[in-house]
């Protein structure tokens, strides 16, 4: 499959980045790396790079792809502490095994390592793109924290929260590969989170229908691809979006 060899390079770089000489941190990061994710955000970086005419096999692209995966993992560590979650993907969460302090500090460590990779990549505007996404993710978490837990949020608040928490990093991932695909990444991220919330049975604002909202953002994501030249990379990105469409 397209970019699979590059994804293996990303996985190797992520493992290398998590290698450290501090026993507690090593135990935490080993637990994190044992949870095999879909590497969705790194895939978006590499596919967007290829769709934009860049080389997804370049050191820069691989470093940026690894950086967004580290940021994603850091956000999961922090989210589990905030949500007081005991499990993550069917496995004990880091905070339940090692405590909140270890989880938070390990998340901070991953963020720092991610920024080192962004710096090493030498990609123009990458710092701004990544830092803006991290700021938005933090804002989204704070918005959700301040919302009333006993009732569904308003339509505007719900969309604001998922836009900041999820779609911002998806948009950044695509932008790092090809600036033209930032709009696709945002709308794909919105559709991804709505689909996830539907599967989890989360509360939705009364004034919206989840399936209609999902279709709306899927359509926006697919429309954003029209400005990108045809290529196997664009086809792979389109396929990712179509898998979410109701």
C-alpha atoms as a PDB file:
ATOM      1  CA  UNK A   1       0.000   0.000   0.000  1.00  0.00           C
ATOM      2  CA  UNK A   2       1.115   3.559  -0.679  1.00  0.00           C
ATOM      3  CA  UNK A   3       3.438   5.191   1.954  1.00  0.00           C
ATOM      4  CA  UNK A   4       3.645   2.004   4.069  1.00  0.00           C
ATOM      5  CA  UNK A   5       7.442   1.988   3.923  1.00  0.00           C
ATOM      6  CA  UNK A   6       7.448   5.626   5.045  1.00  0.00           C
ATOM      7  CA  UNK A   7       5.078   4.788   7.906  1.00  0.00           C
ATOM      8  CA  UNK A   8       7.567   2.166   9.087  1.00  0.00           C
ATOM      9  CA  UNK A   9      10.237   4.887   9.128  1.00  0.00           C
ATOM     10  CA  UNK A  10       7.925   7.071  11.191  1.00  0.00           C
ATOM     11  CA  UNK A  11       7.322   4.236  13.660  1.00  0.00           C
ATOM     12  CA  UNK A  12      11.044   3.662  13.993  1.00  0.00           C
ATOM     13  CA  UNK A  13      11.695   7.357  14.587  1.00  0.00           C
ATOM     14  CA  UNK A  14       8.933   7.539  17.187  1.00  0.00           C
ATOM     15  CA  UNK A  15      10.477   4.567  19.027  1.00  0.00           C
ATOM     16  CA  UNK A  16      13.910   6.169  18.897  1.00  0.00           C
ATOM     17  CA  UNK A  17      12.502   9.433  20.203  1.00  0.00           C
ATOM     18  CA  UNK A  18      10.864   7.618  23.109  1.00  0.00           C
ATOM     19  CA  UNK A  19      14.152   5.940  24.052  1.00  0.00           C
ATOM     20  CA  UNK A  20      15.537   7.594  27.184  1.00  0.00           C
ATOM     21  CA  UNK A  21      17.644   6.760  30.238  1.00  0.00           C
ATOM     22  CA  UNK A  22      15.091   7.542  32.952  1.00  0.00           C
ATOM     23  CA  UNK A  23      13.523   4.308  34.280  1.00  0.00           C
ATOM     24  CA  UNK A  24      10.076   5.708  35.151  1.00  0.00           C
ATOM     25  CA  UNK A  25       9.801   7.605  31.885  1.00  0.00           C
ATOM     26  CA  UNK A  26      10.990   4.551  29.948  1.00  0.00           C
ATOM     27  CA  UNK A  27       8.298   2.411  31.590  1.00  0.00           C
ATOM     28  CA  UNK A  28       5.602   4.959  30.756  1.00  0.00           C
ATOM     29  CA  UNK A  29       6.696   5.385  27.143  1.00  0.00           C
ATOM     30  CA  UNK A  30       7.022   1.629  26.662  1.00  0.00           C
ATOM     31  CA  UNK A  31       3.401   1.312  27.784  1.00  0.00           C
ATOM     32  CA  UNK A  32       2.381   4.090  25.384  1.00  0.00           C
ATOM     33  CA  UNK A  33       4.243   2.583  22.419  1.00  0.00           C
ATOM     34  CA  UNK A  34       2.716  -0.848  23.073  1.00  0.00           C
ATOM     35  CA  UNK A  35      -0.701   0.559  22.154  1.00  0.00           C
ATOM     36  CA  UNK A  36      -0.671   0.254  18.399  1.00  0.00           C
ATOM     37  CA  UNK A  37      -2.656   3.127  16.927  1.00  0.00           C
ATOM     38  CA  UNK A  38      -3.668   3.748  13.324  1.00  0.00           C
ATOM     39  CA  UNK A  39      -1.012   6.458  12.847  1.00  0.00           C
ATOM     40  CA  UNK A  40      -3.733   8.464  11.143  1.00  0.00           C
ATOM     41  CA  UNK A  41      -2.111  11.875  11.615  1.00  0.00           C
ATOM     42  CA  UNK A  42       1.307  10.804  10.308  1.00  0.00           C
ATOM     43  CA  UNK A  43      -0.451   9.280   7.311  1.00  0.00           C
ATOM     44  CA  UNK A  44      -2.105  12.615   6.620  1.00  0.00           C
ATOM     45  CA  UNK A  45       1.277  14.378   6.702  1.00  0.00           C
ATOM     46  CA  UNK A  46       2.863  11.939   4.257  1.00  0.00           C
ATOM     47  CA  UNK A  47      -0.103  11.662   1.897  1.00  0.00           C
ATOM     48  CA  UNK A  48      -0.535  15.436   1.831  1.00  0.00           C
ATOM     49  CA  UNK A  49       3.152  15.850   1.036  1.00  0.00           C
ATOM     50  CA  UNK A  50       2.844  13.436  -1.876  1.00  0.00           C
ATOM     51  CA  UNK A  51      -0.383  15.045  -3.105  1.00  0.00           C
ATOM     52  CA  UNK A  52       1.299  18.444  -3.023  1.00  0.00           C
ATOM     53  CA  UNK A  53       4.217  17.278  -5.124  1.00  0.00           C
ATOM     54  CA  UNK A  54       6.760  16.901  -2.315  1.00  0.00           C
ATOM     55  CA  UNK A  55       8.654  13.734  -1.471  1.00  0.00           C
ATOM     56  CA  UNK A  56       6.948  11.839   1.384  1.00  0.00           C
ATOM     57  CA  UNK A  57      10.146   9.796   1.758  1.00  0.00           C
ATOM     58  CA  UNK A  58      12.224  12.841   2.665  1.00  0.00           C
ATOM     59  CA  UNK A  59      13.724  13.143   6.144  1.00  0.00           C
ATOM     60  CA  UNK A  60      11.722  16.329   6.679  1.00  0.00           C
ATOM     61  CA  UNK A  61       8.362  14.683   5.918  1.00  0.00           C
ATOM     62  CA  UNK A  62       9.131  11.676   8.123  1.00  0.00           C
ATOM     63  CA  UNK A  63      10.222  13.926  11.008  1.00  0.00           C
ATOM     64  CA  UNK A  64       7.051  16.007  10.796  1.00  0.00           C
ATOM     65  CA  UNK A  65       4.913  12.874  10.610  1.00  0.00           C
ATOM     66  CA  UNK A  66       6.608  11.500  13.731  1.00  0.00           C
ATOM     67  CA  UNK A  67       6.181  14.856  15.479  1.00  0.00           C
ATOM     68  CA  UNK A  68       2.394  14.906  15.054  1.00  0.00           C
ATOM     69  CA  UNK A  69       2.169  11.341  16.369  1.00  0.00           C
ATOM     70  CA  UNK A  70       4.112  12.358  19.475  1.00  0.00           C
ATOM     71  CA  UNK A  71       1.813  15.351  19.954  1.00  0.00           C
ATOM     72  CA  UNK A  72      -1.223  13.103  19.603  1.00  0.00           C
ATOM     73  CA  UNK A  73       0.151  10.671  22.196  1.00  0.00           C
ATOM     74  CA  UNK A  74       0.952  13.552  24.548  1.00  0.00           C
ATOM     75  CA  UNK A  75      -2.624  14.801  24.258  1.00  0.00           C
ATOM     76  CA  UNK A  76      -3.971  11.338  25.126  1.00  0.00           C
ATOM     77  CA  UNK A  77      -1.842  11.227  28.272  1.00  0.00           C
ATOM     78  CA  UNK A  78      -3.114  14.639  29.348  1.00  0.00           C
ATOM     79  CA  UNK A  79      -6.731  13.867  28.386  1.00  0.00           C
ATOM     80  CA  UNK A  80      -6.794  10.703  30.471  1.00  0.00           C
ATOM     81  CA  UNK A  81      -5.683  12.661  33.521  1.00  0.00           C
ATOM     82  CA  UNK A  82      -8.292  15.362  32.944  1.00  0.00           C
ATOM     83  CA  UNK A  83     -11.038  12.790  32.306  1.00  0.00           C
ATOM     84  CA  UNK A  84      -9.835  10.519  35.141  1.00  0.00           C
ATOM     85  CA  UNK A  85      -9.887   7.622  32.680  1.00  0.00           C
ATOM     86  CA  UNK A  86      -8.769   4.192  33.826  1.00  0.00           C
ATOM     87  CA  UNK A  87      -8.516   2.725  30.325  1.00  0.00           C
ATOM     88  CA  UNK A  88      -7.224   3.687  26.911  1.00  0.00           C
ATOM     89  CA  UNK A  89      -8.004   1.447  23.914  1.00  0.00           C
ATOM     90  CA  UNK A  90      -8.966  -1.402  26.231  1.00  0.00           C
ATOM     91  CA  UNK A  91      -5.715  -1.212  28.184  1.00  0.00           C
ATOM     92  CA  UNK A  92      -4.978   0.416  31.560  1.00  0.00           C
ATOM     93  CA  UNK A  93      -4.277   4.125  31.125  1.00  0.00           C
ATOM     94  CA  UNK A  94      -0.883   5.551  32.048  1.00  0.00           C
ATOM     95  CA  UNK A  95      -2.355   7.581  34.902  1.00  0.00           C
ATOM     96  CA  UNK A  96      -4.008   4.491  36.401  1.00  0.00           C
ATOM     97  CA  UNK A  97      -0.717   2.571  36.344  1.00  0.00           C
ATOM     98  CA  UNK A  98       1.870   5.243  37.092  1.00  0.00           C
ATOM     99  CA  UNK A  99      -0.117   8.127  38.570  1.00  0.00           C
ATOM    100  CA  UNK A 100      -1.213  11.544  37.335  1.00  0.00           C
ATOM    101  CA  UNK A 101       2.146  13.235  37.843  1.00  0.00           C
ATOM    102  CA  UNK A 102       4.001  10.694  35.724  1.00  0.00           C
ATOM    103  CA  UNK A 103       1.337  10.893  33.004  1.00  0.00           C
ATOM    104  CA  UNK A 104       1.412  14.689  32.824  1.00  0.00           C
ATOM    105  CA  UNK A 105       5.210  14.955  32.861  1.00  0.00           C
ATOM    106  CA  UNK A 106       5.529  12.201  30.256  1.00  0.00           C
ATOM    107  CA  UNK A 107       3.075  14.081  28.036  1.00  0.00           C
ATOM    108  CA  UNK A 108       5.173  17.216  28.454  1.00  0.00           C
ATOM    109  CA  UNK A 109       8.263  15.227  27.501  1.00  0.00           C
ATOM    110  CA  UNK A 110       6.621  13.973  24.307  1.00  0.00           C
ATOM    111  CA  UNK A 111       5.611  17.519  23.380  1.00  0.00           C
ATOM    112  CA  UNK A 112       9.193  18.684  23.831  1.00  0.00           C
ATOM    113  CA  UNK A 113      10.532  15.826  21.723  1.00  0.00           C
ATOM    114  CA  UNK A 114       7.966  16.610  19.046  1.00  0.00           C
ATOM    115  CA  UNK A 115       9.149  20.210  18.854  1.00  0.00           C
ATOM    116  CA  UNK A 116      12.739  18.996  18.533  1.00  0.00           C
ATOM    117  CA  UNK A 117      11.714  16.993  15.478  1.00  0.00           C
ATOM    118  CA  UNK A 118       9.882  19.976  14.011  1.00  0.00           C
ATOM    119  CA  UNK A 119      13.041  22.029  14.494  1.00  0.00           C
ATOM    120  CA  UNK A 120      15.224  19.353  12.895  1.00  0.00           C
ATOM    121  CA  UNK A 121      12.885  19.088   9.911  1.00  0.00           C
ATOM    122  CA  UNK A 122      13.825  22.577   8.763  1.00  0.00           C
ATOM    123  CA  UNK A 123      10.369  22.983   7.225  1.00  0.00           C
ATOM    124  CA  UNK A 124       9.265  26.574   6.752  1.00  0.00           C
ATOM    125  CA  UNK A 125       6.325  27.674   8.941  1.00  0.00           C
ATOM    126  CA  UNK A 126       6.213  24.250  10.641  1.00  0.00           C
ATOM    127  CA  UNK A 127       6.766  25.750  14.095  1.00  0.00           C
ATOM    128  CA  UNK A 128       3.838  28.128  13.684  1.00  0.00           C
ATOM    129  CA  UNK A 129       1.568  25.385  12.340  1.00  0.00           C
ATOM    130  CA  UNK A 130       2.352  22.962  15.148  1.00  0.00           C
ATOM    131  CA  UNK A 131       2.260  25.485  17.986  1.00  0.00           C
ATOM    132  CA  UNK A 132      -1.075  26.863  16.783  1.00  0.00           C
ATOM    133  CA  UNK A 133      -2.512  23.355  16.808  1.00  0.00           C
ATOM    134  CA  UNK A 134      -1.209  22.612  20.321  1.00  0.00           C
ATOM    135  CA  UNK A 135      -2.671  25.883  21.573  1.00  0.00           C
ATOM    136  CA  UNK A 136      -6.044  25.072  19.988  1.00  0.00           C
ATOM    137  CA  UNK A 137      -6.046  21.583  21.500  1.00  0.00           C
ATOM    138  CA  UNK A 138      -5.441  23.053  24.955  1.00  0.00           C
ATOM    139  CA  UNK A 139      -8.225  25.595  24.440  1.00  0.00           C
ATOM    140  CA  UNK A 140     -10.612  22.842  23.359  1.00  0.00           C
ATOM    141  CA  UNK A 141      -9.845  20.785  26.434  1.00  0.00           C
ATOM    142  CA  UNK A 142     -10.472  23.795  28.674  1.00  0.00           C
ATOM    143  CA  UNK A 143     -13.758  24.531  26.893  1.00  0.00           C
ATOM    144  CA  UNK A 144     -14.879  20.966  27.438  1.00  0.00           C
ATOM    145  CA  UNK A 145     -13.759  21.061  31.059  1.00  0.00           C
ATOM    146  CA  UNK A 146     -15.834  24.173  31.710  1.00  0.00           C
ATOM    147  CA  UNK A 147     -18.982  22.784  30.017  1.00  0.00           C
ATOM    148  CA  UNK A 148     -21.862  21.355  32.030  1.00  0.00           C
ATOM    149  CA  UNK A 149     -21.250  17.602  32.254  1.00  0.00           C
ATOM    150  CA  UNK A 150     -24.910  16.835  32.910  1.00  0.00           C
ATOM    151  CA  UNK A 151     -26.344  18.102  29.644  1.00  0.00           C
ATOM    152  CA  UNK A 152     -25.482  18.198  25.976  1.00  0.00           C
ATOM    153  CA  UNK A 153     -23.588  21.302  24.851  1.00  0.00           C
ATOM    154  CA  UNK A 154     -25.062  23.781  22.412  1.00  0.00           C
ATOM    155  CA  UNK A 155     -24.392  23.224  18.718  1.00  0.00           C
ATOM    156  CA  UNK A 156     -21.895  26.098  18.655  1.00  0.00           C
ATOM    157  CA  UNK A 157     -20.019  24.870  21.729  1.00  0.00           C
ATOM    158  CA  UNK A 158     -19.899  21.262  20.533  1.00  0.00           C
ATOM    159  CA  UNK A 159     -18.452  22.268  17.159  1.00  0.00           C
ATOM    160  CA  UNK A 160     -16.000  24.654  18.820  1.00  0.00           C
ATOM    161  CA  UNK A 161     -14.733  21.945  21.176  1.00  0.00           C
ATOM    162  CA  UNK A 162     -14.175  19.266  18.544  1.00  0.00           C
ATOM    163  CA  UNK A 163     -12.768  21.831  16.133  1.00  0.00           C
ATOM    164  CA  UNK A 164     -10.079  22.747  18.631  1.00  0.00           C
ATOM    165  CA  UNK A 165      -9.480  19.340  20.243  1.00  0.00           C
ATOM    166  CA  UNK A 166      -9.456  17.112  17.158  1.00  0.00           C
ATOM    167  CA  UNK A 167      -9.735  18.992  13.875  1.00  0.00           C
ATOM    168  CA  UNK A 168      -6.904  21.418  14.644  1.00  0.00           C
ATOM    169  CA  UNK A 169      -4.243  18.684  14.712  1.00  0.00           C
ATOM    170  CA  UNK A 170      -5.725  17.000  11.625  1.00  0.00           C
ATOM    171  CA  UNK A 171      -5.579  20.339   9.824  1.00  0.00           C
ATOM    172  CA  UNK A 172      -2.010  20.907  10.996  1.00  0.00           C
ATOM    173  CA  UNK A 173      -0.996  17.423   9.837  1.00  0.00           C
ATOM    174  CA  UNK A 174      -2.266  18.116   6.321  1.00  0.00           C
ATOM    175  CA  UNK A 175      -0.821  21.632   6.276  1.00  0.00           C
ATOM    176  CA  UNK A 176       2.621  20.300   7.202  1.00  0.00           C
ATOM    177  CA  UNK A 177       2.472  18.111   4.108  1.00  0.00           C
ATOM    178  CA  UNK A 178       0.798  20.598   1.772  1.00  0.00           C
ATOM    179  CA  UNK A 179      -0.690  23.943   2.748  1.00  0.00           C
ATOM    180  CA  UNK A 180      -3.509  23.537   0.213  1.00  0.00           C
ATOM    181  CA  UNK A 181      -4.827  20.561   2.175  1.00  0.00           C
ATOM    182  CA  UNK A 182      -5.275  22.352   5.491  1.00  0.00           C
ATOM    183  CA  UNK A 183      -8.975  22.961   4.801  1.00  0.00           C
ATOM    184  CA  UNK A 184      -9.439  19.293   3.967  1.00  0.00           C
ATOM    185  CA  UNK A 185      -7.699  18.305   7.193  1.00  0.00           C
ATOM    186  CA  UNK A 186      -9.946  20.489   9.326  1.00  0.00           C
ATOM    187  CA  UNK A 187     -13.178  19.187   7.797  1.00  0.00           C
ATOM    188  CA  UNK A 188     -11.910  15.608   7.837  1.00  0.00           C
ATOM    189  CA  UNK A 189     -11.047  16.035  11.521  1.00  0.00           C
ATOM    190  CA  UNK A 190     -14.545  17.324  12.265  1.00  0.00           C
ATOM    191  CA  UNK A 191     -16.112  14.370  10.441  1.00  0.00           C
ATOM    192  CA  UNK A 192     -13.746  11.955  12.179  1.00  0.00           C
ATOM    193  CA  UNK A 193     -14.713  13.184  15.661  1.00  0.00           C
ATOM    194  CA  UNK A 194     -18.437  13.298  14.904  1.00  0.00           C
ATOM    195  CA  UNK A 195     -18.240   9.725  13.608  1.00  0.00           C
ATOM    196  CA  UNK A 196     -16.335   8.720  16.748  1.00  0.00           C
ATOM    197  CA  UNK A 197     -18.918  10.374  18.991  1.00  0.00           C
ATOM    198  CA  UNK A 198     -21.751   8.633  17.153  1.00  0.00           C
ATOM    199  CA  UNK A 199     -20.033   5.262  17.699  1.00  0.00           C
ATOM    200  CA  UNK A 200     -19.462   6.036  21.388  1.00  0.00           C
ATOM    201  CA  UNK A 201     -23.056   7.175  21.888  1.00  0.00           C
ATOM    202  CA  UNK A 202     -22.009  10.587  23.180  1.00  0.00           C
ATOM    203  CA  UNK A 203     -24.576  13.306  23.819  1.00  0.00           C
ATOM    204  CA  UNK A 204     -25.240  15.635  20.891  1.00  0.00           C
ATOM    205  CA  UNK A 205     -26.926  19.038  20.943  1.00  0.00           C
ATOM    206  CA  UNK A 206     -30.685  18.650  20.513  1.00  0.00           C
ATOM    207  CA  UNK A 207     -30.779  21.027  17.560  1.00  0.00           C
ATOM    208  CA  UNK A 208     -28.667  18.859  15.272  1.00  0.00           C
ATOM    209  CA  UNK A 209     -28.839  15.406  13.712  1.00  0.00           C
ATOM    210  CA  UNK A 210     -25.444  13.654  13.967  1.00  0.00           C
ATOM    211  CA  UNK A 211     -25.715  11.814  10.642  1.00  0.00           C
ATOM    212  CA  UNK A 212     -26.564  15.039   8.788  1.00  0.00           C
ATOM    213  CA  UNK A 213     -23.699  16.848  10.477  1.00  0.00           C
ATOM    214  CA  UNK A 214     -21.304  14.045   9.560  1.00  0.00           C
ATOM    215  CA  UNK A 215     -22.390  14.204   5.930  1.00  0.00           C
ATOM    216  CA  UNK A 216     -21.941  17.970   5.914  1.00  0.00           C
ATOM    217  CA  UNK A 217     -18.303  17.792   6.989  1.00  0.00           C
ATOM    218  CA  UNK A 218     -17.572  14.803   4.743  1.00  0.00           C
ATOM    219  CA  UNK A 219     -18.869  16.800   1.786  1.00  0.00           C
ATOM    220  CA  UNK A 220     -16.725  19.784   2.763  1.00  0.00           C
ATOM    221  CA  UNK A 221     -13.659  17.589   3.070  1.00  0.00           C
ATOM    222  CA  UNK A 222     -14.200  15.995  -0.329  1.00  0.00           C
ATOM    223  CA  UNK A 223     -14.873  19.380  -1.933  1.00  0.00           C
ATOM    224  CA  UNK A 224     -11.557  20.687  -0.574  1.00  0.00           C
ATOM    225  CA  UNK A 225      -9.710  17.981  -2.531  1.00  0.00           C
ATOM    226  CA  UNK A 226     -10.902  19.360  -5.871  1.00  0.00           C
ATOM    227  CA  UNK A 227      -8.146  21.984  -5.907  1.00  0.00           C
ATOM    228  CA  UNK A 228      -5.450  19.304  -5.588  1.00  0.00           C
ATOM    229  CA  UNK A 229      -4.077  17.651  -8.762  1.00  0.00           C
ATOM    230  CA  UNK A 230      -5.015  14.017  -9.312  1.00  0.00           C
ATOM    231  CA  UNK A 231      -2.491  11.491  -8.002  1.00  0.00           C
ATOM    232  CA  UNK A 232      -2.397   8.179  -6.096  1.00  0.00           C
ATOM    233  CA  UNK A 233      -1.780  10.221  -2.929  1.00  0.00           C
ATOM    234  CA  UNK A 234      -4.894  12.307  -3.443  1.00  0.00           C
ATOM    235  CA  UNK A 235      -6.866   9.138  -4.189  1.00  0.00           C
ATOM    236  CA  UNK A 236      -5.693   7.640  -0.884  1.00  0.00           C
ATOM    237  CA  UNK A 237      -6.743  10.790   0.970  1.00  0.00           C
ATOM    238  CA  UNK A 238     -10.139  10.751  -0.731  1.00  0.00           C
ATOM    239  CA  UNK A 239     -10.598   7.125   0.253  1.00  0.00           C
ATOM    240  CA  UNK A 240      -9.934   7.995   3.894  1.00  0.00           C
ATOM    241  CA  UNK A 241     -12.669  10.629   3.771  1.00  0.00           C
ATOM    242  CA  UNK A 242     -15.146   8.429   1.932  1.00  0.00           C
ATOM    243  CA  UNK A 243     -14.798   5.740   4.622  1.00  0.00           C
ATOM    244  CA  UNK A 244     -16.355   8.201   7.078  1.00  0.00           C
ATOM    245  CA  UNK A 245     -19.253   9.201   4.850  1.00  0.00           C
ATOM    246  CA  UNK A 246     -22.662   7.872   5.959  1.00  0.00           C
END
